[in-house]
Amino acid sequence: MGKVKVSVNYYHKRPLDKIGTFAAGVRVGIYTHPDTFNNPPFTEEEVKDKIKVYSDIRSAYTGRRMSKANFKRDYNTLITMLDRLATYVDDTAKGDPIKILLSGFTPTRPSNSSWLPPWQPLVTVSRNVTSGELFAESNKLENAIYYGCIVFKDSAPERIIMQPGGKLEFSNNENFVFIDVTKGRKKVFRNLKPEVMYYFYFYAANANGVSALSEVKGIKCLKG
């Protein structure tokens, strides 16, 4: 079996109107997980700037206010940046599809890896009144390598979509807290703000893909 790596073809073949969103997802994946990705080749501000430049010039090009040559220049600049980030993620992940998915990139699919069957996610949430901890748990899915849990505070997003390659798209970005990708189905959340509502979505994944998202479950964190 070949080593699992970032699927470069996945984003090289993305439609022009999707590549900016893809790059934004990679930015979130890498820079909100500094414990895993502690030495990326660009600062987060540099990545944000490249994404904004591409977004602006694409709008100008679509509105026929920019030449094709200038548009291609900034598109290639964005792709080159993603290629360098992909190399960095491969060096960091060392074949671990979980870390590749965490980065916002999509892993390649080993030929002998099992596909995920259809899943009916069942999620339960609870709290420890004395410690202020929150707990979330999902049911098991055959062939899953790990279970991700996406956490929001104050309100659940009006729209959240899990793309087939594992890319997340959601509204209410300001309420996003983090994604827990520890392998287990049972999650423990500490150091949360008391008297705040938290909302949880689960999904399962392996190197071949990502399951559907669960229905959202919400619970208030109490003071410890």
Protein backbone atom coordinates (compact mmCIF):
# COMPACT_ATOMS: atom_id res chain seq x y z
CA MET A 1 0.00 0.00 0.00
CA GLY A 2 1.31 3.46 -0.89
CA LYS A 3 1.73 6.05 1.81
CA VAL A 4 -1.29 8.28 2.39
CA LYS A 5 -0.52 11.86 1.32
CA VAL A 6 -2.31 15.11 0.58
CA SER A 7 -4.33 14.70 -2.61
CA VAL A 8 -2.85 17.48 -4.74
CA ASN A 9 -5.19 16.60 -7.62
CA TYR A 10 -8.19 17.32 -5.39
CA TYR A 11 -7.51 21.04 -5.17
CA HIS A 12 -5.65 21.43 -8.48
CA LYS A 13 -8.89 20.41 -10.17
CA ARG A 14 -11.21 22.51 -8.02
CA PRO A 15 -13.42 24.96 -9.95
CA LEU A 16 -12.08 28.50 -9.98
CA ASP A 17 -15.00 29.70 -7.85
CA LYS A 18 -14.26 27.05 -5.19
CA ILE A 19 -10.50 27.27 -4.74
CA GLY A 20 -10.66 30.36 -2.52
CA THR A 21 -13.08 28.63 -0.15
CA PHE A 22 -10.87 25.55 -0.16
CA ALA A 23 -7.79 27.64 0.72
CA ALA A 24 -9.74 29.34 3.53
CA GLY A 25 -10.57 25.90 4.95
CA VAL A 26 -6.89 24.94 4.88
CA ARG A 27 -6.04 28.17 6.70
CA VAL A 28 -8.54 27.34 9.45
CA GLY A 29 -7.37 23.71 9.63
CA ILE A 30 -3.68 24.52 10.00
CA TYR A 31 -3.70 27.68 12.08
CA THR A 32 -6.37 26.66 14.60
CA HIS A 33 -4.36 23.53 15.49
CA PRO A 34 -0.91 24.88 16.46
CA ASP A 35 -0.17 21.83 18.62
CA THR A 36 -0.15 19.70 15.45
CA PHE A 37 1.01 22.27 12.89
CA ASN A 38 3.52 24.34 14.82
CA ASN A 39 5.85 25.56 12.08
CA PRO A 40 4.00 26.25 8.80
CA PRO A 41 5.95 27.90 5.97
CA PHE A 42 3.72 31.02 6.00
CA THR A 43 2.18 33.15 8.69
CA GLU A 44 -1.60 33.08 8.94
CA GLU A 45 -1.72 36.72 7.81
CA GLU A 46 0.26 35.86 4.68
CA VAL A 47 -2.19 33.09 3.84
CA LYS A 48 -5.20 35.34 4.48
CA ASP A 49 -3.67 38.01 2.25
CA LYS A 50 -3.11 35.58 -0.65
CA ILE A 51 -6.69 34.33 -0.38
CA LYS A 52 -8.08 37.88 -0.34
CA VAL A 53 -5.99 38.91 -3.34
CA TYR A 54 -7.26 35.90 -5.28
CA SER A 55 -10.87 36.54 -4.27
CA ASP A 56 -10.66 40.20 -5.26
CA ILE A 57 -8.97 39.57 -8.59
CA ARG A 58 -11.36 36.76 -9.45
CA SER A 59 -14.29 39.13 -8.88
CA ALA A 60 -12.60 41.69 -11.12
CA TYR A 61 -11.89 39.06 -13.77
CA THR A 62 -15.49 37.80 -13.67
CA GLY A 63 -16.68 41.38 -14.09
CA ARG A 64 -14.26 41.81 -17.01
CA ARG A 65 -12.25 44.42 -15.12
CA MET A 66 -9.08 42.30 -15.09
CA SER A 67 -7.04 40.59 -17.81
CA LYS A 68 -6.82 36.81 -17.99
CA ALA A 69 -3.03 37.01 -17.65
CA ASN A 70 -3.26 38.88 -14.33
CA PHE A 71 -5.94 36.51 -13.08
CA LYS A 72 -3.82 33.44 -13.94
CA ARG A 73 -0.83 35.03 -12.19
CA ASP A 74 -2.69 35.35 -8.89
CA TYR A 75 -4.37 31.95 -9.30
CA ASN A 76 -0.94 30.33 -9.77
CA THR A 77 0.36 32.23 -6.73
CA LEU A 78 -2.45 30.77 -4.61
CA ILE A 79 -1.87 27.25 -5.95
CA THR A 80 1.87 27.52 -5.30
CA MET A 81 1.13 28.52 -1.71
CA LEU A 82 -1.23 25.55 -1.30
CA ASP A 83 1.43 23.23 -2.76
CA ARG A 84 3.95 24.41 -0.17
CA LEU A 85 1.41 23.98 2.62
CA ALA A 86 0.57 20.50 1.29
CA THR A 87 4.26 19.52 1.41
CA TYR A 88 4.46 20.84 4.96
CA VAL A 89 1.35 18.89 6.01
CA ASP A 90 2.73 15.69 4.43
CA ASP A 91 6.01 16.15 6.31
CA THR A 92 4.07 16.70 9.55
CA ALA A 93 1.40 14.02 9.10
CA LYS A 94 3.83 11.27 8.00
CA GLY A 95 1.03 9.33 6.33
CA ASP A 96 -1.59 9.87 9.04
CA PRO A 97 -4.91 10.60 7.26
CA ILE A 98 -6.36 12.04 10.46
CA LYS A 99 -3.79 14.84 10.53
CA ILE A 100 -4.26 15.49 6.81
CA LEU A 101 -8.01 15.85 7.27
CA LEU A 102 -7.39 18.06 10.30
CA SER A 103 -5.31 20.41 8.14
CA GLY A 104 -8.19 21.01 5.75
CA PHE A 105 -6.56 19.06 2.93
CA THR A 106 -7.94 15.80 1.51
CA PRO A 107 -5.88 12.59 1.84
CA THR A 108 -5.24 10.18 -0.99
CA ARG A 109 -7.16 6.91 -0.80
CA PRO A 110 -5.24 3.65 -0.39
CA SER A 111 -6.60 0.96 -2.71
CA ASN A 112 -7.09 -1.55 0.10
CA SER A 113 -8.75 0.82 2.58
CA SER A 114 -12.36 0.01 3.39
CA TRP A 115 -15.12 2.44 2.50
CA LEU A 116 -17.41 3.77 5.17
CA PRO A 117 -20.90 2.26 5.10
CA PRO A 118 -23.98 4.48 5.49
CA TRP A 119 -24.29 5.82 9.03
CA GLN A 120 -27.15 6.97 11.20
CA PRO A 121 -25.27 9.10 13.74
CA LEU A 122 -26.75 9.07 17.23
CA VAL A 123 -25.23 11.69 19.52
CA THR A 124 -25.72 12.19 23.25
CA VAL A 125 -24.44 15.10 25.33
CA SER A 126 -24.18 15.51 29.10
CA ARG A 127 -22.36 17.57 31.71
CA ASN A 128 -20.60 17.28 35.04
CA VAL A 129 -22.32 19.86 37.20
CA THR A 130 -19.52 20.04 39.75
CA SER A 131 -16.59 20.45 37.33
CA GLY A 132 -18.13 22.35 34.43
CA GLU A 133 -17.07 19.68 31.94
CA LEU A 134 -19.19 18.71 28.93
CA PHE A 135 -19.34 15.27 27.37
CA ALA A 136 -20.40 14.23 23.87
CA GLU A 137 -20.58 10.72 22.45
CA SER A 138 -21.63 9.11 19.17
CA ASN A 139 -22.50 5.57 18.20
CA LYS A 140 -19.96 3.39 16.38
CA LEU A 141 -19.47 3.15 12.60
CA GLU A 142 -17.78 0.16 10.97
CA ASN A 143 -14.38 0.91 9.31
CA ALA A 144 -14.12 4.38 10.89
CA ILE A 145 -10.60 5.41 11.94
CA TYR A 146 -11.69 8.33 14.06
CA TYR A 147 -14.67 10.44 15.06
CA GLY A 148 -14.62 14.19 14.65
CA CYS A 149 -16.70 16.58 16.70
CA ILE A 150 -17.32 20.15 15.52
CA VAL A 151 -18.07 22.58 18.33
CA PHE A 152 -19.91 25.91 18.20
CA LYS A 153 -20.93 28.28 20.99
CA ASP A 154 -23.93 30.58 21.54
CA SER A 155 -25.84 29.33 18.49
CA ALA A 156 -25.63 26.55 15.92
CA PRO A 157 -24.84 27.60 12.34
CA GLU A 158 -27.76 28.16 10.00
CA ARG A 159 -25.95 26.10 7.37
CA ILE A 160 -23.29 23.42 7.73
CA ILE A 161 -22.21 21.08 4.92
CA MET A 162 -19.65 18.28 4.89
CA GLN A 163 -18.28 17.88 1.37
CA PRO A 164 -17.30 14.36 0.17
CA GLY A 165 -13.59 15.15 0.55
CA GLY A 166 -14.01 16.23 4.17
CA LYS A 167 -14.23 19.98 3.59
CA LEU A 168 -16.57 21.85 5.91
CA GLU A 169 -18.69 24.78 4.85
CA PHE A 170 -20.72 26.62 7.47
CA SER A 171 -22.21 29.98 8.32
CA ASN A 172 -21.79 31.73 11.72
CA ASN A 173 -17.99 31.49 11.56
CA GLU A 174 -17.70 33.72 14.62
CA ASN A 175 -19.37 31.00 16.72
CA PHE A 176 -17.01 28.22 15.63
CA VAL A 177 -14.88 26.99 18.54
CA PHE A 178 -12.81 24.03 17.29
CA ILE A 179 -12.87 20.52 15.84
CA ASP A 180 -11.96 17.61 18.10
CA VAL A 181 -10.36 14.81 16.06
CA THR A 182 -9.18 12.51 18.83
CA LYS A 183 -9.92 8.99 17.65
CA GLY A 184 -12.52 7.98 20.21
CA ARG A 185 -16.29 8.35 20.07
CA LYS A 186 -16.38 9.79 23.60
CA LYS A 187 -15.28 13.41 23.87
CA VAL A 188 -14.56 15.43 27.01
CA PHE A 189 -14.53 19.23 26.81
CA ARG A 190 -12.90 21.29 29.54
CA ASN A 191 -12.12 24.97 30.15
CA LEU A 192 -15.33 26.10 28.47
CA LYS A 193 -17.11 29.32 29.39
CA PRO A 194 -19.79 28.87 32.06
CA GLU A 195 -23.42 29.73 31.30
CA VAL A 196 -22.75 29.44 27.55
CA MET A 197 -24.61 27.09 25.21
CA TYR A 198 -22.38 24.75 23.18
CA TYR A 199 -23.44 22.82 20.08
CA PHE A 200 -21.92 19.59 18.78
CA TYR A 201 -21.86 17.83 15.40
CA PHE A 202 -20.23 14.42 14.93
CA TYR A 203 -18.83 12.73 11.84
CA ALA A 204 -16.77 9.59 11.24
CA ALA A 205 -13.85 9.27 8.82
CA ASN A 206 -11.13 7.07 7.44
CA ALA A 207 -8.62 7.47 4.60
CA ASN A 208 -11.34 6.79 2.04
CA GLY A 209 -13.79 9.43 3.07
CA VAL A 210 -16.03 11.11 5.58
CA SER A 211 -19.50 10.22 6.78
CA ALA A 212 -22.55 12.45 6.84
CA LEU A 213 -22.84 14.90 9.72
CA SER A 214 -24.99 14.11 12.71
CA GLU A 215 -27.88 16.27 13.81
CA VAL A 216 -26.77 19.02 16.16
CA LYS A 217 -26.97 18.55 19.92
CA GLY A 218 -26.74 21.48 22.33
CA ILE A 219 -26.12 21.80 26.06
CA LYS A 220 -25.23 24.65 28.46
CA CYS A 221 -21.96 24.64 30.32
CA LEU A 222 -22.49 25.29 34.04
CA LYS A 223 -20.08 26.73 36.57
CA GLY A 224 -17.86 24.21 38.24
